[in-house]
Each structure stands twice: as C-alpha cells, then as structure tokens.
C-alpha cells in the first residue's frame, strides 16, 4: 500500500517528493513534501488515500502522528 500511495501522491499537483525510513521492527517515519497547504488538503481528499488511511487506523498502526511543517531553509553535506 505504501508503494501505491507514493505512486498516487506523485500524480498530485504540488507533490515534489517523499523521504521514508523504517527499522526492522517496523517503526518508521515518512516525510511527504507538498508545495502548500492547499496541496496537502487536496491530497487528504483523494478517495484511494482516504481508504488507505482507514486501513491504517483499523489494521496496521497502533498509533501515528501527523505534523505539518514549513521548511524555510535546507542545506546538507555528503562525503562520498
């Protein structure tokens, strides 16, 4: 389902990408990036996404947390 949600998100206007990390025990974090709050609101209303959210609530997750944040600046370093 995660792969399908990524495919579906990629079809949405305002979606530049996602980053995700999972531990072997299943604990993980996924950060999806959106152009603006309107893009986020539109994504929340996509029917297939809502169905996946419902499955998550009923079957897959004991808990989850959503944070909506503004990235004002980004920088990094890679030493290959």
PDB file of N, CA and C in Angstrom:
ATOM      1  N   UNK A   1       0.828  -1.198   0.000  1.00  0.00           N
ATOM      2  CA  UNK A   1       0.000   0.000   0.000  1.00  0.00           C
ATOM      3  C   UNK A   1       0.868   1.256   0.000  1.00  0.00           C
ATOM      4  N   UNK A   2       1.992   1.200   0.698  1.00  0.00           N
ATOM      5  CA  UNK A   2       2.886   2.364   0.729  1.00  0.00           C
ATOM      6  C   UNK A   2       3.377   2.701  -0.669  1.00  0.00           C
ATOM      7  N   UNK A   3       3.727   1.678  -1.446  1.00  0.00           N
ATOM      8  CA  UNK A   3       4.173   1.918  -2.820  1.00  0.00           C
ATOM      9  C   UNK A   3       3.068   2.548  -3.652  1.00  0.00           C
ATOM     10  N   UNK A   4       1.843   2.060  -3.489  1.00  0.00           N
ATOM     11  CA  UNK A   4       0.714   2.618  -4.241  1.00  0.00           C
ATOM     12  C   UNK A   4       0.453   4.065  -3.837  1.00  0.00           C
ATOM     13  N   UNK A   5       0.550   4.372  -2.538  1.00  0.00           N
ATOM     14  CA  UNK A   5       0.321   5.744  -2.091  1.00  0.00           C
ATOM     15  C   UNK A   5       1.383   6.680  -2.656  1.00  0.00           C
ATOM     16  N   UNK A   6       2.612   6.201  -2.772  1.00  0.00           N
ATOM     17  CA  UNK A   6       3.667   7.018  -3.366  1.00  0.00           C
ATOM     18  C   UNK A   6       3.372   7.284  -4.840  1.00  0.00           C
ATOM     19  N   UNK A   7       2.938   6.260  -5.566  1.00  0.00           N
ATOM     20  CA  UNK A   7       2.553   6.438  -6.975  1.00  0.00           C
ATOM     21  C   UNK A   7       1.424   7.452  -7.097  1.00  0.00           C
ATOM     22  N   UNK A   8       0.434   7.312  -6.249  1.00  0.00           N
ATOM     23  CA  UNK A   8      -0.730   8.184  -6.291  1.00  0.00           C
ATOM     24  C   UNK A   8      -0.352   9.618  -5.912  1.00  0.00           C
ATOM     25  N   UNK A   9       0.460   9.778  -4.884  1.00  0.00           N
ATOM     26  CA  UNK A   9       0.907  11.115  -4.484  1.00  0.00           C
ATOM     27  C   UNK A   9       1.674  11.783  -5.613  1.00  0.00           C
ATOM     28  N   UNK A  10       2.507  11.009  -6.307  1.00  0.00           N
ATOM     29  CA  UNK A  10       3.305  11.559  -7.400  1.00  0.00           C
ATOM     30  C   UNK A  10       2.434  12.097  -8.530  1.00  0.00           C
ATOM     31  N   UNK A  11       1.203  11.646  -8.618  1.00  0.00           N
ATOM     32  CA  UNK A  11       0.269  12.130  -9.637  1.00  0.00           C
ATOM     33  C   UNK A  11      -0.409  13.435  -9.227  1.00  0.00           C
ATOM     34  N   UNK A  12      -0.255  13.840  -7.970  1.00  0.00           N
ATOM     35  CA  UNK A  12      -0.947  15.009  -7.448  1.00  0.00           C
ATOM     36  C   UNK A  12      -0.164  16.288  -7.728  1.00  0.00           C
ATOM     37  N   UNK A  13      -0.882  17.343  -8.030  1.00  0.00           N
ATOM     38  CA  UNK A  13      -0.264  18.654  -8.202  1.00  0.00           C
ATOM     39  C   UNK A  13       0.300  19.116  -6.857  1.00  0.00           C
ATOM     40  N   UNK A  14       1.526  19.600  -6.859  1.00  0.00           N
ATOM     41  CA  UNK A  14       2.108  20.148  -5.643  1.00  0.00           C
ATOM     42  C   UNK A  14       2.905  19.164  -4.822  1.00  0.00           C
ATOM     43  N   UNK A  15       3.198  17.976  -5.356  1.00  0.00           N
ATOM     44  CA  UNK A  15       3.956  16.965  -4.625  1.00  0.00           C
ATOM     45  C   UNK A  15       5.358  16.833  -5.208  1.00  0.00           C
ATOM     46  N   UNK A  16       6.390  17.384  -4.527  1.00  0.00           N
ATOM     47  CA  UNK A  16       7.746  17.262  -5.047  1.00  0.00           C
ATOM     48  C   UNK A  16       8.475  15.986  -4.624  1.00  0.00           C
ATOM     49  N   UNK A  17       8.008  15.315  -3.553  1.00  0.00           N
ATOM     50  CA  UNK A  17       8.696  14.085  -3.176  1.00  0.00           C
ATOM     51  C   UNK A  17       8.443  13.637  -1.759  1.00  0.00           C
ATOM     52  N   UNK A  18       9.138  12.564  -1.387  1.00  0.00           N
ATOM     53  CA  UNK A  18       8.948  11.927  -0.086  1.00  0.00           C
ATOM     54  C   UNK A  18      10.273  11.336   0.379  1.00  0.00           C
ATOM     55  N   UNK A  19      10.444  11.231   1.694  1.00  0.00           N
ATOM     56  CA  UNK A  19      11.573  10.528   2.305  1.00  0.00           C
ATOM     57  C   UNK A  19      10.990   9.588   3.358  1.00  0.00           C
ATOM     58  N   UNK A  20      11.525   8.363   3.437  1.00  0.00           N
ATOM     59  CA  UNK A  20      10.969   7.383   4.365  1.00  0.00           C
ATOM     60  C   UNK A  20      12.081   6.487   4.899  1.00  0.00           C
ATOM     61  N   UNK A  21      11.987   6.146   6.188  1.00  0.00           N
ATOM     62  CA  UNK A  21      12.944   5.263   6.846  1.00  0.00           C
ATOM     63  C   UNK A  21      12.151   4.305   7.733  1.00  0.00           C
ATOM     64  N   UNK A  22      12.537   3.017   7.718  1.00  0.00           N
ATOM     65  CA  UNK A  22      11.889   2.002   8.554  1.00  0.00           C
ATOM     66  C   UNK A  22      12.946   1.193   9.286  1.00  0.00           C
ATOM     67  N   UNK A  23      12.672   0.890  10.553  1.00  0.00           N
ATOM     68  CA  UNK A  23      13.505  -0.029  11.310  1.00  0.00           C
ATOM     69  C   UNK A  23      13.027  -1.444  11.022  1.00  0.00           C
ATOM     70  N   UNK A  24      13.841  -2.446  11.331  1.00  0.00           N
ATOM     71  CA  UNK A  24      13.440  -3.838  11.099  1.00  0.00           C
ATOM     72  C   UNK A  24      12.195  -4.205  11.881  1.00  0.00           C
ATOM     73  N   UNK A  25      11.990  -3.585  13.033  1.00  0.00           N
ATOM     74  CA  UNK A  25      10.816  -3.891  13.854  1.00  0.00           C
ATOM     75  C   UNK A  25       9.538  -3.286  13.278  1.00  0.00           C
ATOM     76  N   UNK A  26       9.686  -2.443  12.245  1.00  0.00           N
ATOM     77  CA  UNK A  26       8.514  -1.855  11.617  1.00  0.00           C
ATOM     78  C   UNK A  26       8.297  -0.397  11.943  1.00  0.00           C
ATOM     79  N   UNK A  27       8.950   0.106  12.989  1.00  0.00           N
ATOM     80  CA  UNK A  27       8.823   1.514  13.337  1.00  0.00           C
ATOM     81  C   UNK A  27       9.460   2.357  12.244  1.00  0.00           C
ATOM     82  N   UNK A  28       8.826   3.448  11.888  1.00  0.00           N
ATOM     83  CA  UNK A  28       9.392   4.257  10.830  1.00  0.00           C
ATOM     84  C   UNK A  28       8.858   5.669  10.806  1.00  0.00           C
ATOM     85  N   UNK A  29       9.406   6.427   9.887  1.00  0.00           N
ATOM     86  CA  UNK A  29       8.963   7.801   9.671  1.00  0.00           C
ATOM     87  C   UNK A  29       8.921   8.057   8.169  1.00  0.00           C
ATOM     88  N   UNK A  30       7.885   8.718   7.734  1.00  0.00           N
ATOM     89  CA  UNK A  30       7.763   9.130   6.340  1.00  0.00           C
ATOM     90  C   UNK A  30       7.467  10.621   6.321  1.00  0.00           C
ATOM     91  N   UNK A  31       8.227  11.344   5.536  1.00  0.00           N
ATOM     92  CA  UNK A  31       8.018  12.779   5.369  1.00  0.00           C
ATOM     93  C   UNK A  31       7.622  13.009   3.922  1.00  0.00           C
ATOM     94  N   UNK A  32       6.412  13.509   3.725  1.00  0.00           N
ATOM     95  CA  UNK A  32       5.999  13.869   2.367  1.00  0.00           C
ATOM     96  C   UNK A  32       6.027  15.385   2.268  1.00  0.00           C
ATOM     97  N   UNK A  33       6.498  15.854   1.133  1.00  0.00           N
ATOM     98  CA  UNK A  33       6.635  17.288   0.907  1.00  0.00           C
ATOM     99  C   UNK A  33       5.557  17.754  -0.059  1.00  0.00           C
ATOM    100  N   UNK A  34       4.992  18.915   0.254  1.00  0.00           N
ATOM    101  CA  UNK A  34       3.937  19.487  -0.579  1.00  0.00           C
ATOM    102  C   UNK A  34       4.210  20.964  -0.790  1.00  0.00           C
ATOM    103  N   UNK A  35       3.781  21.485  -1.897  1.00  0.00           N
ATOM    104  CA  UNK A  35       4.018  22.880  -2.255  1.00  0.00           C
ATOM    105  C   UNK A  35       3.386  23.846  -1.251  1.00  0.00           C
ATOM    106  N   UNK A  36       2.166  23.530  -0.810  1.00  0.00           N
ATOM    107  CA  UNK A  36       1.446  24.451   0.074  1.00  0.00           C
ATOM    108  C   UNK A  36       0.316  23.705   0.785  1.00  0.00           C
ATOM    109  N   UNK A  37      -0.369  24.406   1.675  1.00  0.00           N
ATOM    110  CA  UNK A  37      -1.446  23.778   2.457  1.00  0.00           C
ATOM    111  C   UNK A  37      -2.605  23.333   1.569  1.00  0.00           C
ATOM    112  N   UNK A  38      -2.865  24.050   0.487  1.00  0.00           N
ATOM    113  CA  UNK A  38      -3.936  23.637  -0.430  1.00  0.00           C
ATOM    114  C   UNK A  38      -3.610  22.283  -1.062  1.00  0.00           C
ATOM    115  N   UNK A  39      -2.345  22.062  -1.405  1.00  0.00           N
ATOM    116  CA  UNK A  39      -1.930  20.770  -1.960  1.00  0.00           C
ATOM    117  C   UNK A  39      -2.126  19.656  -0.943  1.00  0.00           C
ATOM    118  N   UNK A  40      -1.804  19.947   0.312  1.00  0.00           N
ATOM    119  CA  UNK A  40      -2.000  18.968   1.399  1.00  0.00           C
ATOM    120  C   UNK A  40      -3.483  18.650   1.543  1.00  0.00           C
ATOM    121  N   UNK A  41      -4.310  19.681   1.548  1.00  0.00           N
ATOM    122  CA  UNK A  41      -5.756  19.485   1.693  1.00  0.00           C
ATOM    123  C   UNK A  41      -6.313  18.653   0.542  1.00  0.00           C
ATOM    124  N   UNK A  42      -5.846  18.896  -0.667  1.00  0.00           N
ATOM    125  CA  UNK A  42      -6.311  18.115  -1.820  1.00  0.00           C
ATOM    126  C   UNK A  42      -5.910  16.655  -1.679  1.00  0.00           C
ATOM    127  N   UNK A  43      -4.683  16.396  -1.233  1.00  0.00           N
ATOM    128  CA  UNK A  43      -4.204  15.028  -1.041  1.00  0.00           C
ATOM    129  C   UNK A  43      -5.055  14.299  -0.007  1.00  0.00           C
ATOM    130  N   UNK A  44      -5.433  14.983   1.052  1.00  0.00           N
ATOM    131  CA  UNK A  44      -6.248  14.357   2.097  1.00  0.00           C
ATOM    132  C   UNK A  44      -7.603  13.908   1.571  1.00  0.00           C
ATOM    133  N   UNK A  45      -8.075  14.514   0.491  1.00  0.00           N
ATOM    134  CA  UNK A  45      -9.397  14.206  -0.047  1.00  0.00           C
ATOM    135  C   UNK A  45      -9.380  13.159  -1.163  1.00  0.00           C
ATOM    136  N   UNK A  46      -8.222  12.697  -1.578  1.00  0.00           N
ATOM    137  CA  UNK A  46      -8.144  11.672  -2.622  1.00  0.00           C
ATOM    138  C   UNK A  46      -8.737  10.370  -2.072  1.00  0.00           C
ATOM    139  N   UNK A  47      -9.742   9.834  -2.734  1.00  0.00           N
ATOM    140  CA  UNK A  47     -10.502   8.688  -2.228  1.00  0.00           C
ATOM    141  C   UNK A  47      -9.622   7.497  -1.883  1.00  0.00           C
ATOM    142  N   UNK A  48      -8.731   7.125  -2.767  1.00  0.00           N
ATOM    143  CA  UNK A  48      -7.882   5.963  -2.511  1.00  0.00           C
ATOM    144  C   UNK A  48      -6.969   6.194  -1.307  1.00  0.00           C
ATOM    145  N   UNK A  49      -6.536   7.430  -1.119  1.00  0.00           N
ATOM    146  CA  UNK A  49      -5.718   7.780   0.057  1.00  0.00           C
ATOM    147  C   UNK A  49      -6.556   7.655   1.330  1.00  0.00           C
ATOM    148  N   UNK A  50      -7.796   8.110   1.289  1.00  0.00           N
ATOM    149  CA  UNK A  50      -8.684   8.012   2.462  1.00  0.00           C
ATOM    150  C   UNK A  50      -8.944   6.549   2.826  1.00  0.00           C
ATOM    151  N   UNK A  51      -9.104   5.691   1.829  1.00  0.00           N
ATOM    152  CA  UNK A  51      -9.294   4.254   2.072  1.00  0.00           C
ATOM    153  C   UNK A  51      -8.054   3.683   2.758  1.00  0.00           C
ATOM    154  N   UNK A  52      -6.866   4.059   2.272  1.00  0.00           N
ATOM    155  CA  UNK A  52      -5.619   3.589   2.885  1.00  0.00           C
ATOM    156  C   UNK A  52      -5.501   4.086   4.324  1.00  0.00           C
ATOM    157  N   UNK A  53      -5.873   5.327   4.573  1.00  0.00           N
ATOM    158  CA  UNK A  53      -5.840   5.865   5.938  1.00  0.00           C
ATOM    159  C   UNK A  53      -6.752   5.045   6.856  1.00  0.00           C
ATOM    160  N   UNK A  54      -7.915   4.692   6.362  1.00  0.00           N
ATOM    161  CA  UNK A  54      -8.857   3.910   7.161  1.00  0.00           C
ATOM    162  C   UNK A  54      -8.274   2.535   7.491  1.00  0.00           C
ATOM    163  N   UNK A  55      -7.646   1.897   6.516  1.00  0.00           N
ATOM    164  CA  UNK A  55      -6.981   0.617   6.781  1.00  0.00           C
ATOM    165  C   UNK A  55      -5.910   0.787   7.846  1.00  0.00           C
ATOM    166  N   UNK A  56      -5.158   1.875   7.755  1.00  0.00           N
ATOM    167  CA  UNK A  56      -4.128   2.143   8.746  1.00  0.00           C
ATOM    168  C   UNK A  56      -4.696   2.235  10.145  1.00  0.00           C
ATOM    169  N   UNK A  57      -5.789   2.954  10.279  1.00  0.00           N
ATOM    170  CA  UNK A  57      -6.425   3.107  11.592  1.00  0.00           C
ATOM    171  C   UNK A  57      -6.953   1.788  12.137  1.00  0.00           C
ATOM    172  N   UNK A  58      -7.539   0.983  11.277  1.00  0.00           N
ATOM    173  CA  UNK A  58      -8.198  -0.242  11.718  1.00  0.00           C
ATOM    174  C   UNK A  58      -7.303  -1.470  11.776  1.00  0.00           C
ATOM    175  N   UNK A  59      -6.244  -1.495  10.947  1.00  0.00           N
ATOM    176  CA  UNK A  59      -5.499  -2.741  10.790  1.00  0.00           C
ATOM    177  C   UNK A  59      -3.998  -2.653  11.036  1.00  0.00           C
ATOM    178  N   UNK A  60      -3.338  -1.567  10.599  1.00  0.00           N
ATOM    179  CA  UNK A  60      -1.885  -1.588  10.527  1.00  0.00           C
ATOM    180  C   UNK A  60      -1.180  -0.891  11.676  1.00  0.00           C
ATOM    181  N   UNK A  61      -1.712   0.208  12.159  1.00  0.00           N
ATOM    182  CA  UNK A  61      -0.972   1.041  13.104  1.00  0.00           C
ATOM    183  C   UNK A  61      -1.584   1.021  14.495  1.00  0.00           C
ATOM    184  N   UNK A  62      -0.703   0.982  15.479  1.00  0.00           N
ATOM    185  CA  UNK A  62      -1.164   1.179  16.863  1.00  0.00           C
ATOM    186  C   UNK A  62      -1.298   2.662  17.142  1.00  0.00           C
ATOM    187  N   UNK A  63      -0.452   3.449  16.505  1.00  0.00           N
ATOM    188  CA  UNK A  63      -0.524   4.899  16.644  1.00  0.00           C
ATOM    189  C   UNK A  63       0.210   5.558  15.483  1.00  0.00           C
ATOM    190  N   UNK A  64      -0.122   6.811  15.220  1.00  0.00           N
ATOM    191  CA  UNK A  64       0.612   7.601  14.244  1.00  0.00           C
ATOM    192  C   UNK A  64       0.497   9.068  14.626  1.00  0.00           C
ATOM    193  N   UNK A  65       1.384   9.858  14.087  1.00  0.00           N
ATOM    194  CA  UNK A  65       1.423  11.296  14.368  1.00  0.00           C
ATOM    195  C   UNK A  65       1.595  12.031  13.052  1.00  0.00           C
ATOM    196  N   UNK A  66       0.843  13.095  12.853  1.00  0.00           N
ATOM    197  CA  UNK A  66       0.984  13.931  11.663  1.00  0.00           C
ATOM    198  C   UNK A  66       1.445  15.309  12.115  1.00  0.00           C
ATOM    199  N   UNK A  67       2.467  15.823  11.443  1.00  0.00           N
ATOM    200  CA  UNK A  67       2.936  17.182  11.685  1.00  0.00           C
ATOM    201  C   UNK A  67       2.969  17.901  10.348  1.00  0.00           C
ATOM    202  N   UNK A  68       2.446  19.099  10.307  1.00  0.00           N
ATOM    203  CA  UNK A  68       2.522  19.923   9.111  1.00  0.00           C
ATOM    204  C   UNK A  68       3.509  21.045   9.426  1.00  0.00           C
ATOM    205  N   UNK A  69       4.601  21.063   8.679  1.00  0.00           N
ATOM    206  CA  UNK A  69       5.700  21.984   8.959  1.00  0.00           C
ATOM    207  C   UNK A  69       6.081  22.766   7.713  1.00  0.00           C
ATOM    208  N   UNK A  70       6.661  23.914   7.918  1.00  0.00           N
ATOM    209  CA  UNK A  70       7.172  24.736   6.834  1.00  0.00           C
ATOM    210  C   UNK A  70       8.691  24.642   6.826  1.00  0.00           C
ATOM    211  N   UNK A  71       9.247  24.227   5.697  1.00  0.00           N
ATOM    212  CA  UNK A  71      10.704  24.194   5.543  1.00  0.00           C
ATOM    213  C   UNK A  71      11.116  25.546   4.982  1.00  0.00           C
ATOM    214  N   UNK A  72      11.825  26.312   5.788  1.00  0.00           N
ATOM    215  CA  UNK A  72      12.246  27.642   5.354  1.00  0.00           C
ATOM    216  C   UNK A  72      13.636  27.657   4.749  1.00  0.00           C
ATOM    217  N   UNK A  73      14.455  26.686   5.122  1.00  0.00           N
ATOM    218  CA  UNK A  73      15.824  26.641   4.622  1.00  0.00           C
ATOM    219  C   UNK A  73      16.324  25.210   4.735  1.00  0.00           C
ATOM    220  N   UNK A  74      17.148  24.809   3.789  1.00  0.00           N
ATOM    221  CA  UNK A  74      17.701  23.460   3.821  1.00  0.00           C
ATOM    222  C   UNK A  74      19.133  23.508   3.315  1.00  0.00           C
ATOM    223  N   UNK A  75      19.995  22.736   3.935  1.00  0.00           N
ATOM    224  CA  UNK A  75      21.364  22.572   3.442  1.00  0.00           C
ATOM    225  C   UNK A  75      21.868  21.229   3.882  1.00  0.00           C
ATOM    226  N   UNK A  76      22.946  20.762   3.303  1.00  0.00           N
ATOM    227  CA  UNK A  76      23.455  19.454   3.668  1.00  0.00           C
ATOM    228  C   UNK A  76      24.886  19.257   3.194  1.00  0.00           C
ATOM    229  N   UNK A  77      25.395  18.078   3.444  1.00  0.00           N
ATOM    230  CA  UNK A  77      26.760  17.730   3.079  1.00  0.00           C
ATOM    231  C   UNK A  77      26.801  16.229   2.841  1.00  0.00           C
ATOM    232  N   UNK A  78      27.475  15.813   1.798  1.00  0.00           N
ATOM    233  CA  UNK A  78      27.675  14.402   1.521  1.00  0.00           C
ATOM    234  C   UNK A  78      29.164  14.186   1.252  1.00  0.00           C
ATOM    235  N   UNK A  79      29.745  13.269   1.964  1.00  0.00           N
ATOM    236  CA  UNK A  79      31.152  12.945   1.789  1.00  0.00           C
ATOM    237  C   UNK A  79      31.257  11.547   1.196  1.00  0.00           C
ATOM    238  N   UNK A  80      31.142  11.462  -0.123  1.00  0.00           N
ATOM    239  CA  UNK A  80      31.169  10.156  -0.795  1.00  0.00           C
ATOM    240  C   UNK A  80      32.555   9.670  -0.956  1.00  0.00           C
TER     241      UNK A  80
END
